[in-house]
Amino acid sequence: MADWGPVLIGVVLFVLLQPGLLFSFPGNHRQIDFGSMKTNGKAIAFHTLIFFALYAILIMAVHVHIYTG
């Protein structure tokens, strides 16, 4: 049996937390930009930290597992 939980959670969080796709914090023109499709170094660093924190909480604390087979 393969555990697809970490893979699926990682892909979903990666898509949702891309800076500029849904929101960018901090934004280029305002504190938070929605749907601007533009990013900067600060936003990339912030979104990376949020991704790691949410991923670690969901995988290690909540124990999200999806088994196939």
PDB file of N, CA and C in Angstrom:
ATOM      1  N   MET A   1       0.833  -1.185   0.000  1.00  0.00           N
ATOM      2  CA  MET A   1       0.000   0.000   0.000  1.00  0.00           C
ATOM      3  C   MET A   1       0.878   1.249   0.000  1.00  0.00           C
ATOM      4  N   ALA A   2       0.483   2.210  -0.764  1.00  0.00           N
ATOM      5  CA  ALA A   2       1.220   3.469  -0.844  1.00  0.00           C
ATOM      6  C   ALA A   2       0.460   4.549  -0.084  1.00  0.00           C
ATOM      7  N   ASP A   3       1.202   5.365   0.637  1.00  0.00           N
ATOM      8  CA  ASP A   3       0.612   6.472   1.385  1.00  0.00           C
ATOM      9  C   ASP A   3       0.699   7.732   0.530  1.00  0.00           C
ATOM     10  N   TRP A   4      -0.434   8.171  -0.025  1.00  0.00           N
ATOM     11  CA  TRP A   4      -0.484   9.333  -0.896  1.00  0.00           C
ATOM     12  C   TRP A   4      -0.844  10.609  -0.162  1.00  0.00           C
ATOM     13  N   GLY A   5      -1.059  10.550   1.124  1.00  0.00           N
ATOM     14  CA  GLY A   5      -1.434  11.735   1.905  1.00  0.00           C
ATOM     15  C   GLY A   5      -0.423  12.861   1.815  1.00  0.00           C
ATOM     16  N   PRO A   6       0.863  12.600   2.129  1.00  0.00           N
ATOM     17  CA  PRO A   6       1.847  13.691   2.051  1.00  0.00           C
ATOM     18  C   PRO A   6       2.006  14.271   0.648  1.00  0.00           C
ATOM     19  N   VAL A   7       1.902  13.431  -0.374  1.00  0.00           N
ATOM     20  CA  VAL A   7       2.036  13.918  -1.751  1.00  0.00           C
ATOM     21  C   VAL A   7       0.866  14.820  -2.111  1.00  0.00           C
ATOM     22  N   LEU A   8      -0.336  14.380  -1.830  1.00  0.00           N
ATOM     23  CA  LEU A   8      -1.530  15.158  -2.159  1.00  0.00           C
ATOM     24  C   LEU A   8      -1.575  16.471  -1.385  1.00  0.00           C
ATOM     25  N   ILE A   9      -1.277  16.430  -0.102  1.00  0.00           N
ATOM     26  CA  ILE A   9      -1.268  17.648   0.714  1.00  0.00           C
ATOM     27  C   ILE A   9      -0.212  18.618   0.193  1.00  0.00           C
ATOM     28  N   GLY A  10       0.965  18.115  -0.157  1.00  0.00           N
ATOM     29  CA  GLY A  10       2.024  18.966  -0.688  1.00  0.00           C
ATOM     30  C   GLY A  10       1.641  19.641  -1.990  1.00  0.00           C
ATOM     31  N   VAL A  11       1.025  18.898  -2.889  1.00  0.00           N
ATOM     32  CA  VAL A  11       0.627  19.461  -4.180  1.00  0.00           C
ATOM     33  C   VAL A  11      -0.462  20.509  -4.004  1.00  0.00           C
ATOM     34  N   VAL A  12      -1.459  20.218  -3.191  1.00  0.00           N
ATOM     35  CA  VAL A  12      -2.559  21.171  -2.977  1.00  0.00           C
ATOM     36  C   VAL A  12      -2.048  22.446  -2.321  1.00  0.00           C
ATOM     37  N   LEU A  13      -1.218  22.318  -1.286  1.00  0.00           N
ATOM     38  CA  LEU A  13      -0.675  23.508  -0.627  1.00  0.00           C
ATOM     39  C   LEU A  13       0.226  24.293  -1.572  1.00  0.00           C
ATOM     40  N   PHE A  14       1.018  23.595  -2.378  1.00  0.00           N
ATOM     41  CA  PHE A  14       1.894  24.283  -3.320  1.00  0.00           C
ATOM     42  C   PHE A  14       1.087  25.113  -4.307  1.00  0.00           C
ATOM     43  N   VAL A  15       0.017  24.550  -4.836  1.00  0.00           N
ATOM     44  CA  VAL A  15      -0.803  25.275  -5.813  1.00  0.00           C
ATOM     45  C   VAL A  15      -1.520  26.446  -5.151  1.00  0.00           C
ATOM     46  N   LEU A  16      -2.079  26.237  -3.975  1.00  0.00           N
ATOM     47  CA  LEU A  16      -2.841  27.300  -3.324  1.00  0.00           C
ATOM     48  C   LEU A  16      -1.970  28.417  -2.756  1.00  0.00           C
ATOM     49  N   LEU A  17      -0.745  28.086  -2.352  1.00  0.00           N
ATOM     50  CA  LEU A  17       0.101  29.089  -1.715  1.00  0.00           C
ATOM     51  C   LEU A  17       1.152  29.688  -2.647  1.00  0.00           C
ATOM     52  N   GLN A  18       0.983  29.556  -3.946  1.00  0.00           N
ATOM     53  CA  GLN A  18       1.901  30.222  -4.863  1.00  0.00           C
ATOM     54  C   GLN A  18       1.720  31.726  -4.722  1.00  0.00           C
ATOM     55  N   PRO A  19       2.800  32.453  -4.486  1.00  0.00           N
ATOM     56  CA  PRO A  19       2.651  33.912  -4.375  1.00  0.00           C
ATOM     57  C   PRO A  19       2.128  34.506  -5.677  1.00  0.00           C
ATOM     58  N   GLY A  20       1.069  35.268  -5.582  1.00  0.00           N
ATOM     59  CA  GLY A  20       0.501  35.926  -6.751  1.00  0.00           C
ATOM     60  C   GLY A  20      -0.696  35.222  -7.341  1.00  0.00           C
ATOM     61  N   LEU A  21      -0.880  33.929  -7.075  1.00  0.00           N
ATOM     62  CA  LEU A  21      -2.011  33.220  -7.674  1.00  0.00           C
ATOM     63  C   LEU A  21      -3.312  33.652  -7.008  1.00  0.00           C
ATOM     64  N   LEU A  22      -3.481  33.353  -5.734  1.00  0.00           N
ATOM     65  CA  LEU A  22      -4.662  33.806  -5.000  1.00  0.00           C
ATOM     66  C   LEU A  22      -4.385  35.119  -4.282  1.00  0.00           C
ATOM     67  N   PHE A  23      -3.249  35.183  -3.612  1.00  0.00           N
ATOM     68  CA  PHE A  23      -2.864  36.404  -2.915  1.00  0.00           C
ATOM     69  C   PHE A  23      -1.351  36.449  -2.812  1.00  0.00           C
ATOM     70  N   SER A  24      -0.840  37.629  -2.555  1.00  0.00           N
ATOM     71  CA  SER A  24       0.586  37.819  -2.360  1.00  0.00           C
ATOM     72  C   SER A  24       0.777  38.700  -1.137  1.00  0.00           C
ATOM     73  N   PHE A  25       1.432  38.163  -0.132  1.00  0.00           N
ATOM     74  CA  PHE A  25       1.659  38.907   1.113  1.00  0.00           C
ATOM     75  C   PHE A  25       3.138  38.902   1.415  1.00  0.00           C
ATOM     76  N   PRO A  26       3.860  39.950   1.523  1.00  0.00           N
ATOM     77  CA  PRO A  26       3.462  41.333   1.218  1.00  0.00           C
ATOM     78  C   PRO A  26       3.437  41.554  -0.292  1.00  0.00           C
ATOM     79  N   GLY A  27       2.515  42.383  -0.712  1.00  0.00           N
ATOM     80  CA  GLY A  27       2.335  42.629  -2.135  1.00  0.00           C
ATOM     81  C   GLY A  27       3.302  43.672  -2.669  1.00  0.00           C
ATOM     82  N   ASN A  28       3.252  43.891  -3.954  1.00  0.00           N
ATOM     83  CA  ASN A  28       4.117  44.893  -4.583  1.00  0.00           C
ATOM     84  C   ASN A  28       3.624  46.310  -4.342  1.00  0.00           C
ATOM     85  N   HIS A  29       2.313  46.495  -4.313  1.00  0.00           N
ATOM     86  CA  HIS A  29       1.762  47.839  -4.189  1.00  0.00           C
ATOM     87  C   HIS A  29       1.052  48.072  -2.861  1.00  0.00           C
ATOM     88  N   ARG A  30       0.515  47.040  -2.285  1.00  0.00           N
ATOM     89  CA  ARG A  30      -0.192  47.130  -1.010  1.00  0.00           C
ATOM     90  C   ARG A  30       0.342  46.060  -0.088  1.00  0.00           C
ATOM     91  N   GLN A  31      -0.200  46.031   1.129  1.00  0.00           N
ATOM     92  CA  GLN A  31       0.231  45.017   2.093  1.00  0.00           C
ATOM     93  C   GLN A  31      -0.113  43.614   1.598  1.00  0.00           C
ATOM     94  N   ILE A  32      -1.294  43.472   0.992  1.00  0.00           N
ATOM     95  CA  ILE A  32      -1.702  42.195   0.424  1.00  0.00           C
ATOM     96  C   ILE A  32      -2.352  42.452  -0.931  1.00  0.00           C
ATOM     97  N   ASP A  33      -1.879  41.749  -1.951  1.00  0.00           N
ATOM     98  CA  ASP A  33      -2.424  41.856  -3.296  1.00  0.00           C
ATOM     99  C   ASP A  33      -3.152  40.562  -3.629  1.00  0.00           C
ATOM    100  N   PHE A  34      -4.334  40.676  -4.210  1.00  0.00           N
ATOM    101  CA  PHE A  34      -5.121  39.517  -4.592  1.00  0.00           C
ATOM    102  C   PHE A  34      -5.082  39.336  -6.102  1.00  0.00           C
ATOM    103  N   GLY A  35      -4.666  38.147  -6.542  1.00  0.00           N
ATOM    104  CA  GLY A  35      -4.685  37.795  -7.953  1.00  0.00           C
ATOM    105  C   GLY A  35      -3.832  38.673  -8.839  1.00  0.00           C
ATOM    106  N   SER A  36      -2.718  39.169  -8.349  1.00  0.00           N
ATOM    107  CA  SER A  36      -1.908  40.078  -9.149  1.00  0.00           C
ATOM    108  C   SER A  36      -0.990  39.351 -10.126  1.00  0.00           C
ATOM    109  N   MET A  37      -0.716  38.057  -9.894  1.00  0.00           N
ATOM    110  CA  MET A  37       0.181  37.247 -10.705  1.00  0.00           C
ATOM    111  C   MET A  37       1.599  37.821 -10.760  1.00  0.00           C
ATOM    112  N   LYS A  38       1.942  38.661  -9.790  1.00  0.00           N
ATOM    113  CA  LYS A  38       3.296  39.194  -9.659  1.00  0.00           C
ATOM    114  C   LYS A  38       3.763  38.916  -8.244  1.00  0.00           C
ATOM    115  N   THR A  39       5.078  38.791  -8.073  1.00  0.00           N
ATOM    116  CA  THR A  39       5.598  38.439  -6.771  1.00  0.00           C
ATOM    117  C   THR A  39       6.913  39.162  -6.523  1.00  0.00           C
ATOM    118  N   ASN A  40       7.424  39.016  -5.320  1.00  0.00           N
ATOM    119  CA  ASN A  40       8.721  39.576  -4.962  1.00  0.00           C
ATOM    120  C   ASN A  40       9.402  38.614  -3.992  1.00  0.00           C
ATOM    121  N   GLY A  41      10.617  38.903  -3.630  1.00  0.00           N
ATOM    122  CA  GLY A  41      11.385  38.013  -2.765  1.00  0.00           C
ATOM    123  C   GLY A  41      10.790  37.836  -1.384  1.00  0.00           C
ATOM    124  N   LYS A  42      10.261  38.904  -0.812  1.00  0.00           N
ATOM    125  CA  LYS A  42       9.645  38.817   0.514  1.00  0.00           C
ATOM    126  C   LYS A  42       8.424  37.907   0.493  1.00  0.00           C
ATOM    127  N   ALA A  43       7.618  38.030  -0.554  1.00  0.00           N
ATOM    128  CA  ALA A  43       6.421  37.197  -0.663  1.00  0.00           C
ATOM    129  C   ALA A  43       6.794  35.730  -0.834  1.00  0.00           C
ATOM    130  N   ILE A  44       7.836  35.453  -1.594  1.00  0.00           N
ATOM    131  CA  ILE A  44       8.274  34.068  -1.781  1.00  0.00           C
ATOM    132  C   ILE A  44       8.726  33.481  -0.448  1.00  0.00           C
ATOM    133  N   ALA A  45       9.505  34.225   0.314  1.00  0.00           N
ATOM    134  CA  ALA A  45       9.974  33.744   1.618  1.00  0.00           C
ATOM    135  C   ALA A  45       8.806  33.528   2.576  1.00  0.00           C
ATOM    136  N   PHE A  46       7.859  34.453   2.608  1.00  0.00           N
ATOM    137  CA  PHE A  46       6.714  34.330   3.508  1.00  0.00           C
ATOM    138  C   PHE A  46       5.848  33.127   3.135  1.00  0.00           C
ATOM    139  N   HIS A  47       5.563  32.960   1.854  1.00  0.00           N
ATOM    140  CA  HIS A  47       4.731  31.845   1.417  1.00  0.00           C
ATOM    141  C   HIS A  47       5.433  30.506   1.633  1.00  0.00           C
ATOM    142  N   THR A  48       6.758  30.485   1.547  1.00  0.00           N
ATOM    143  CA  THR A  48       7.513  29.261   1.822  1.00  0.00           C
ATOM    144  C   THR A  48       7.390  28.868   3.287  1.00  0.00           C
ATOM    145  N   LEU A  49       7.487  29.835   4.182  1.00  0.00           N
ATOM    146  CA  LEU A  49       7.339  29.553   5.610  1.00  0.00           C
ATOM    147  C   LEU A  49       5.932  29.072   5.952  1.00  0.00           C
ATOM    148  N   ILE A  50       4.928  29.691   5.353  1.00  0.00           N
ATOM    149  CA  ILE A  50       3.545  29.271   5.584  1.00  0.00           C
ATOM    150  C   ILE A  50       3.319  27.856   5.054  1.00  0.00           C
ATOM    151  N   PHE A  51       3.866  27.553   3.862  1.00  0.00           N
ATOM    152  CA  PHE A  51       3.750  26.213   3.292  1.00  0.00           C
ATOM    153  C   PHE A  51       4.368  25.182   4.228  1.00  0.00           C
ATOM    154  N   PHE A  52       5.589  25.424   4.688  1.00  0.00           N
ATOM    155  CA  PHE A  52       6.265  24.469   5.560  1.00  0.00           C
ATOM    156  C   PHE A  52       5.501  24.269   6.863  1.00  0.00           C
ATOM    157  N   ALA A  53       5.002  25.351   7.456  1.00  0.00           N
ATOM    158  CA  ALA A  53       4.268  25.242   8.718  1.00  0.00           C
ATOM    159  C   ALA A  53       2.982  24.433   8.542  1.00  0.00           C
ATOM    160  N   LEU A  54       2.197  24.742   7.514  1.00  0.00           N
ATOM    161  CA  LEU A  54       0.953  24.007   7.288  1.00  0.00           C
ATOM    162  C   LEU A  54       1.209  22.548   6.929  1.00  0.00           C
ATOM    163  N   TYR A  55       2.230  22.302   6.112  1.00  0.00           N
ATOM    164  CA  TYR A  55       2.573  20.935   5.725  1.00  0.00           C
ATOM    165  C   TYR A  55       2.987  20.125   6.946  1.00  0.00           C
ATOM    166  N   ALA A  56       3.834  20.705   7.789  1.00  0.00           N
ATOM    167  CA  ALA A  56       4.300  19.993   8.980  1.00  0.00           C
ATOM    168  C   ALA A  56       3.144  19.710   9.936  1.00  0.00           C
ATOM    169  N   ILE A  57       2.250  20.662  10.110  1.00  0.00           N
ATOM    170  CA  ILE A  57       1.104  20.460  11.007  1.00  0.00           C
ATOM    171  C   ILE A  57       0.199  19.357  10.469  1.00  0.00           C
ATOM    172  N   LEU A  58      -0.111  19.394   9.179  1.00  0.00           N
ATOM    173  CA  LEU A  58      -1.035  18.412   8.617  1.00  0.00           C
ATOM    174  C   LEU A  58      -0.440  17.013   8.577  1.00  0.00           C
ATOM    175  N   ILE A  59       0.835  16.896   8.284  1.00  0.00           N
ATOM    176  CA  ILE A  59       1.445  15.576   8.157  1.00  0.00           C
ATOM    177  C   ILE A  59       1.844  15.001   9.508  1.00  0.00           C
ATOM    178  N   MET A  60       2.450  15.797  10.362  1.00  0.00           N
ATOM    179  CA  MET A  60       2.993  15.267  11.609  1.00  0.00           C
ATOM    180  C   MET A  60       2.005  15.319  12.772  1.00  0.00           C
ATOM    181  N   ALA A  61       1.202  16.363  12.864  1.00  0.00           N
ATOM    182  CA  ALA A  61       0.304  16.502  14.010  1.00  0.00           C
ATOM    183  C   ALA A  61      -1.074  15.897  13.747  1.00  0.00           C
ATOM    184  N   VAL A  62      -1.615  16.122  12.565  1.00  0.00           N
ATOM    185  CA  VAL A  62      -2.958  15.642  12.251  1.00  0.00           C
ATOM    186  C   VAL A  62      -2.914  14.224  11.683  1.00  0.00           C
ATOM    187  N   HIS A  63      -1.761  13.796  11.190  1.00  0.00           N
ATOM    188  CA  HIS A  63      -1.559  12.458  10.620  1.00  0.00           C
ATOM    189  C   HIS A  63      -2.503  12.182   9.441  1.00  0.00           C
ATOM    190  N   VAL A  64      -2.428  13.048   8.433  1.00  0.00           N
ATOM    191  CA  VAL A  64      -3.227  12.846   7.226  1.00  0.00           C
ATOM    192  C   VAL A  64      -2.580  11.737   6.403  1.00  0.00           C
ATOM    193  N   HIS A  65      -3.337  10.664   6.172  1.00  0.00           N
ATOM    194  CA  HIS A  65      -2.854   9.549   5.378  1.00  0.00           C
ATOM    195  C   HIS A  65      -3.943   9.120   4.395  1.00  0.00           C
ATOM    196  N   ILE A  66      -3.554   8.845   3.162  1.00  0.00           N
ATOM    197  CA  ILE A  66      -4.457   8.334   2.139  1.00  0.00           C
ATOM    198  C   ILE A  66      -3.786   7.085   1.563  1.00  0.00           C
ATOM    199  N   TYR A  67      -4.357   5.951   1.810  1.00  0.00           N
ATOM    200  CA  TYR A  67      -3.774   4.700   1.344  1.00  0.00           C
ATOM    201  C   TYR A  67      -4.496   4.200   0.108  1.00  0.00           C
ATOM    202  N   THR A  68      -3.736   3.645  -0.818  1.00  0.00           N
ATOM    203  CA  THR A  68      -4.311   3.050  -2.030  1.00  0.00           C
ATOM    204  C   THR A  68      -3.943   1.582  -2.067  1.00  0.00           C
ATOM    205  N   GLY A  69      -4.690   0.861  -2.784  1.00  0.00           N
ATOM    206  CA  GLY A  69      -4.274  -0.502  -2.986  1.00  0.00           C
ATOM    207  C   GLY A  69      -5.307  -1.492  -2.767  1.00  0.00           C
TER     208      GLY A  69
END
